[in-house]
């Protein structure tokens, strides 16, 4: 296995439990949408990490607009989700070329940090999998 690391951020939620008109991933926290804080956390961990952002197809234009609004330039591979979380994760995994280590994150827990990410990848490399709860 190579050492390439991927962050698969599956942020296709609709915010129904929150009773919000927009998904949690797009709610602003300290001036940025929550999902941007999550992406920043992975980018702070390692600038060379490949970030795949899975969104509901109807949210992709919203994402692009928010990137312009916030001058957000961290490169991500955009992928549309599926009808279920399983399908959305699969769609994201299909964008990975070759092998490597993959972190799967729901996008709405922005307090993940470089230490948690580093430990998770290190343990996954040793044990073949790791789960972190934030």
C-alpha atoms as a PDB file:
ATOM      1  CA  UNK A   1       0.000   0.000   0.000  1.00  0.00           C
ATOM      2  CA  UNK A   2       1.237   3.484  -0.749  1.00  0.00           C
ATOM      3  CA  UNK A   3       1.129   6.309   1.764  1.00  0.00           C
ATOM      4  CA  UNK A   4      -1.277   8.528  -0.167  1.00  0.00           C
ATOM      5  CA  UNK A   5      -3.935   9.971   2.118  1.00  0.00           C
ATOM      6  CA  UNK A   6      -7.454  10.986   1.192  1.00  0.00           C
ATOM      7  CA  UNK A   7     -10.165  12.838   3.080  1.00  0.00           C
ATOM      8  CA  UNK A   8     -13.592  11.774   1.864  1.00  0.00           C
ATOM      9  CA  UNK A   9     -16.004  14.358   3.233  1.00  0.00           C
ATOM     10  CA  UNK A  10     -19.568  13.155   2.744  1.00  0.00           C
ATOM     11  CA  UNK A  11     -21.660  16.270   3.367  1.00  0.00           C
ATOM     12  CA  UNK A  12     -24.933  15.598   1.608  1.00  0.00           C
ATOM     13  CA  UNK A  13     -27.265  16.045   4.572  1.00  0.00           C
ATOM     14  CA  UNK A  14     -30.509  17.982   4.302  1.00  0.00           C
ATOM     15  CA  UNK A  15     -30.766  19.377   7.821  1.00  0.00           C
ATOM     16  CA  UNK A  16     -34.154  17.766   8.478  1.00  0.00           C
ATOM     17  CA  UNK A  17     -33.478  16.865  12.116  1.00  0.00           C
ATOM     18  CA  UNK A  18     -32.135  20.353  12.668  1.00  0.00           C
ATOM     19  CA  UNK A  19     -35.315  21.736  11.079  1.00  0.00           C
ATOM     20  CA  UNK A  20     -33.200  24.096   9.010  1.00  0.00           C
ATOM     21  CA  UNK A  21     -33.866  25.315   5.491  1.00  0.00           C
ATOM     22  CA  UNK A  22     -30.252  24.584   4.640  1.00  0.00           C
ATOM     23  CA  UNK A  23     -28.061  21.619   5.523  1.00  0.00           C
ATOM     24  CA  UNK A  24     -25.807  21.806   8.582  1.00  0.00           C
ATOM     25  CA  UNK A  25     -22.792  21.690   6.306  1.00  0.00           C
ATOM     26  CA  UNK A  26     -23.662  25.159   4.958  1.00  0.00           C
ATOM     27  CA  UNK A  27     -24.586  26.865   8.245  1.00  0.00           C
ATOM     28  CA  UNK A  28     -22.095  29.571   9.130  1.00  0.00           C
ATOM     29  CA  UNK A  29     -19.788  29.180  12.098  1.00  0.00           C
ATOM     30  CA  UNK A  30     -17.327  31.995  12.815  1.00  0.00           C
ATOM     31  CA  UNK A  31     -17.892  33.453   9.360  1.00  0.00           C
ATOM     32  CA  UNK A  32     -17.524  30.261   7.295  1.00  0.00           C
ATOM     33  CA  UNK A  33     -19.821  27.364   6.444  1.00  0.00           C
ATOM     34  CA  UNK A  34     -19.229  24.407   8.778  1.00  0.00           C
ATOM     35  CA  UNK A  35     -17.955  22.140   5.993  1.00  0.00           C
ATOM     36  CA  UNK A  36     -15.250  24.677   5.124  1.00  0.00           C
ATOM     37  CA  UNK A  37     -13.951  24.457   8.699  1.00  0.00           C
ATOM     38  CA  UNK A  38     -13.775  20.672   8.282  1.00  0.00           C
ATOM     39  CA  UNK A  39     -11.878  20.980   5.003  1.00  0.00           C
ATOM     40  CA  UNK A  40      -9.500  23.478   6.607  1.00  0.00           C
ATOM     41  CA  UNK A  41      -8.794  20.986   9.412  1.00  0.00           C
ATOM     42  CA  UNK A  42      -7.718  18.325   6.903  1.00  0.00           C
ATOM     43  CA  UNK A  43      -5.677  20.832   4.902  1.00  0.00           C
ATOM     44  CA  UNK A  44      -3.928  22.023   8.089  1.00  0.00           C
ATOM     45  CA  UNK A  45      -3.068  18.402   8.830  1.00  0.00           C
ATOM     46  CA  UNK A  46      -1.360  17.980   5.439  1.00  0.00           C
ATOM     47  CA  UNK A  47      -1.461  20.358   2.489  1.00  0.00           C
ATOM     48  CA  UNK A  48      -0.892  17.466   0.082  1.00  0.00           C
ATOM     49  CA  UNK A  49      -3.922  15.453   1.253  1.00  0.00           C
ATOM     50  CA  UNK A  50      -6.464  14.787  -1.495  1.00  0.00           C
ATOM     51  CA  UNK A  51      -9.880  16.034  -0.406  1.00  0.00           C
ATOM     52  CA  UNK A  52     -12.990  14.607  -2.028  1.00  0.00           C
ATOM     53  CA  UNK A  53     -16.175  16.491  -1.174  1.00  0.00           C
ATOM     54  CA  UNK A  54     -19.398  14.573  -1.748  1.00  0.00           C
ATOM     55  CA  UNK A  55     -22.507  16.742  -1.917  1.00  0.00           C
ATOM     56  CA  UNK A  56     -26.077  16.264  -3.013  1.00  0.00           C
ATOM     57  CA  UNK A  57     -26.186  17.123  -6.700  1.00  0.00           C
ATOM     58  CA  UNK A  58     -28.475  20.100  -6.040  1.00  0.00           C
ATOM     59  CA  UNK A  59     -25.934  21.531  -3.538  1.00  0.00           C
ATOM     60  CA  UNK A  60     -22.961  21.684  -5.890  1.00  0.00           C
ATOM     61  CA  UNK A  61     -23.891  25.146  -7.209  1.00  0.00           C
ATOM     62  CA  UNK A  62     -24.406  26.325  -3.611  1.00  0.00           C
ATOM     63  CA  UNK A  63     -20.900  25.085  -2.787  1.00  0.00           C
ATOM     64  CA  UNK A  64     -19.386  26.923  -5.738  1.00  0.00           C
ATOM     65  CA  UNK A  65     -21.196  30.142  -4.773  1.00  0.00           C
ATOM     66  CA  UNK A  66     -19.996  29.852  -1.176  1.00  0.00           C
ATOM     67  CA  UNK A  67     -16.421  29.311  -2.352  1.00  0.00           C
ATOM     68  CA  UNK A  68     -16.623  32.554  -4.339  1.00  0.00           C
ATOM     69  CA  UNK A  69     -18.293  34.427  -1.477  1.00  0.00           C
ATOM     70  CA  UNK A  70     -15.663  33.335   1.060  1.00  0.00           C
ATOM     71  CA  UNK A  71     -12.699  33.313  -1.349  1.00  0.00           C
ATOM     72  CA  UNK A  72     -12.216  29.647  -0.412  1.00  0.00           C
ATOM     73  CA  UNK A  73      -9.495  28.187  -2.617  1.00  0.00           C
ATOM     74  CA  UNK A  74      -8.553  24.873  -1.064  1.00  0.00           C
ATOM     75  CA  UNK A  75      -8.730  22.392  -3.938  1.00  0.00           C
ATOM     76  CA  UNK A  76     -11.314  19.647  -3.599  1.00  0.00           C
ATOM     77  CA  UNK A  77     -12.584  16.985  -5.945  1.00  0.00           C
ATOM     78  CA  UNK A  78     -16.354  17.461  -6.142  1.00  0.00           C
ATOM     79  CA  UNK A  79     -18.545  14.383  -6.384  1.00  0.00           C
ATOM     80  CA  UNK A  80     -22.314  14.144  -6.332  1.00  0.00           C
ATOM     81  CA  UNK A  81     -23.818  11.868  -3.724  1.00  0.00           C
ATOM     82  CA  UNK A  82     -26.344   9.101  -4.058  1.00  0.00           C
ATOM     83  CA  UNK A  83     -29.769   8.359  -2.635  1.00  0.00           C
ATOM     84  CA  UNK A  84     -28.255   6.871   0.530  1.00  0.00           C
ATOM     85  CA  UNK A  85     -25.188   7.552   2.643  1.00  0.00           C
ATOM     86  CA  UNK A  86     -23.780   4.207   1.472  1.00  0.00           C
ATOM     87  CA  UNK A  87     -24.117   5.252  -2.168  1.00  0.00           C
ATOM     88  CA  UNK A  88     -22.600   8.670  -1.446  1.00  0.00           C
ATOM     89  CA  UNK A  89     -19.562   7.084   0.226  1.00  0.00           C
ATOM     90  CA  UNK A  90     -19.227   4.652  -2.681  1.00  0.00           C
ATOM     91  CA  UNK A  91     -19.415   7.503  -5.209  1.00  0.00           C
ATOM     92  CA  UNK A  92     -16.632   9.270  -3.322  1.00  0.00           C
ATOM     93  CA  UNK A  93     -14.493   6.145  -3.076  1.00  0.00           C
ATOM     94  CA  UNK A  94     -14.891   5.652  -6.828  1.00  0.00           C
ATOM     95  CA  UNK A  95     -12.957   8.915  -7.342  1.00  0.00           C
ATOM     96  CA  UNK A  96      -9.855   7.471  -5.655  1.00  0.00           C
ATOM     97  CA  UNK A  97      -7.150   6.245  -7.989  1.00  0.00           C
ATOM     98  CA  UNK A  98      -4.960   3.442  -6.726  1.00  0.00           C
ATOM     99  CA  UNK A  99      -4.693   2.632  -3.075  1.00  0.00           C
ATOM    100  CA  UNK A 100      -3.928   4.593   0.050  1.00  0.00           C
ATOM    101  CA  UNK A 101      -5.516   5.555   3.344  1.00  0.00           C
ATOM    102  CA  UNK A 102      -8.978   7.121   3.407  1.00  0.00           C
ATOM    103  CA  UNK A 103     -10.568   9.157   6.185  1.00  0.00           C
ATOM    104  CA  UNK A 104     -14.357   9.339   5.885  1.00  0.00           C
ATOM    105  CA  UNK A 105     -15.876  12.374   7.604  1.00  0.00           C
ATOM    106  CA  UNK A 106     -19.461  13.662   7.665  1.00  0.00           C
ATOM    107  CA  UNK A 107     -18.366  17.268   7.178  1.00  0.00           C
ATOM    108  CA  UNK A 108     -20.324  18.696  10.110  1.00  0.00           C
ATOM    109  CA  UNK A 109     -17.947  17.985  12.982  1.00  0.00           C
ATOM    110  CA  UNK A 110     -15.460  20.802  12.407  1.00  0.00           C
ATOM    111  CA  UNK A 111     -13.584  20.307  15.684  1.00  0.00           C
ATOM    112  CA  UNK A 112     -11.563  17.456  14.211  1.00  0.00           C
ATOM    113  CA  UNK A 113      -7.916  18.466  14.384  1.00  0.00           C
ATOM    114  CA  UNK A 114      -4.516  17.484  13.025  1.00  0.00           C
ATOM    115  CA  UNK A 115      -3.774  15.292  16.051  1.00  0.00           C
ATOM    116  CA  UNK A 116      -6.938  13.229  15.641  1.00  0.00           C
ATOM    117  CA  UNK A 117      -6.416  12.967  11.887  1.00  0.00           C
ATOM    118  CA  UNK A 118      -2.743  12.000  12.247  1.00  0.00           C
ATOM    119  CA  UNK A 119      -3.448   9.372  14.901  1.00  0.00           C
ATOM    120  CA  UNK A 120      -6.291   7.922  12.831  1.00  0.00           C
ATOM    121  CA  UNK A 121      -4.174   7.597   9.699  1.00  0.00           C
ATOM    122  CA  UNK A 122      -1.226   6.171  11.667  1.00  0.00           C
ATOM    123  CA  UNK A 123      -3.384   3.531  13.359  1.00  0.00           C
ATOM    124  CA  UNK A 124      -5.167   2.693  10.106  1.00  0.00           C
ATOM    125  CA  UNK A 125      -1.788   2.100   8.459  1.00  0.00           C
ATOM    126  CA  UNK A 126      -0.824  -0.292  11.258  1.00  0.00           C
ATOM    127  CA  UNK A 127      -4.155  -2.015  11.973  1.00  0.00           C
ATOM    128  CA  UNK A 128      -5.812  -1.710   8.524  1.00  0.00           C
ATOM    129  CA  UNK A 129      -8.618   0.443   9.978  1.00  0.00           C
ATOM    130  CA  UNK A 130      -9.323   3.008  12.673  1.00  0.00           C
ATOM    131  CA  UNK A 131     -12.381   4.865  13.941  1.00  0.00           C
ATOM    132  CA  UNK A 132     -12.297   8.235  15.690  1.00  0.00           C
ATOM    133  CA  UNK A 133     -15.289   9.776  17.444  1.00  0.00           C
ATOM    134  CA  UNK A 134     -15.371  13.558  17.727  1.00  0.00           C
END
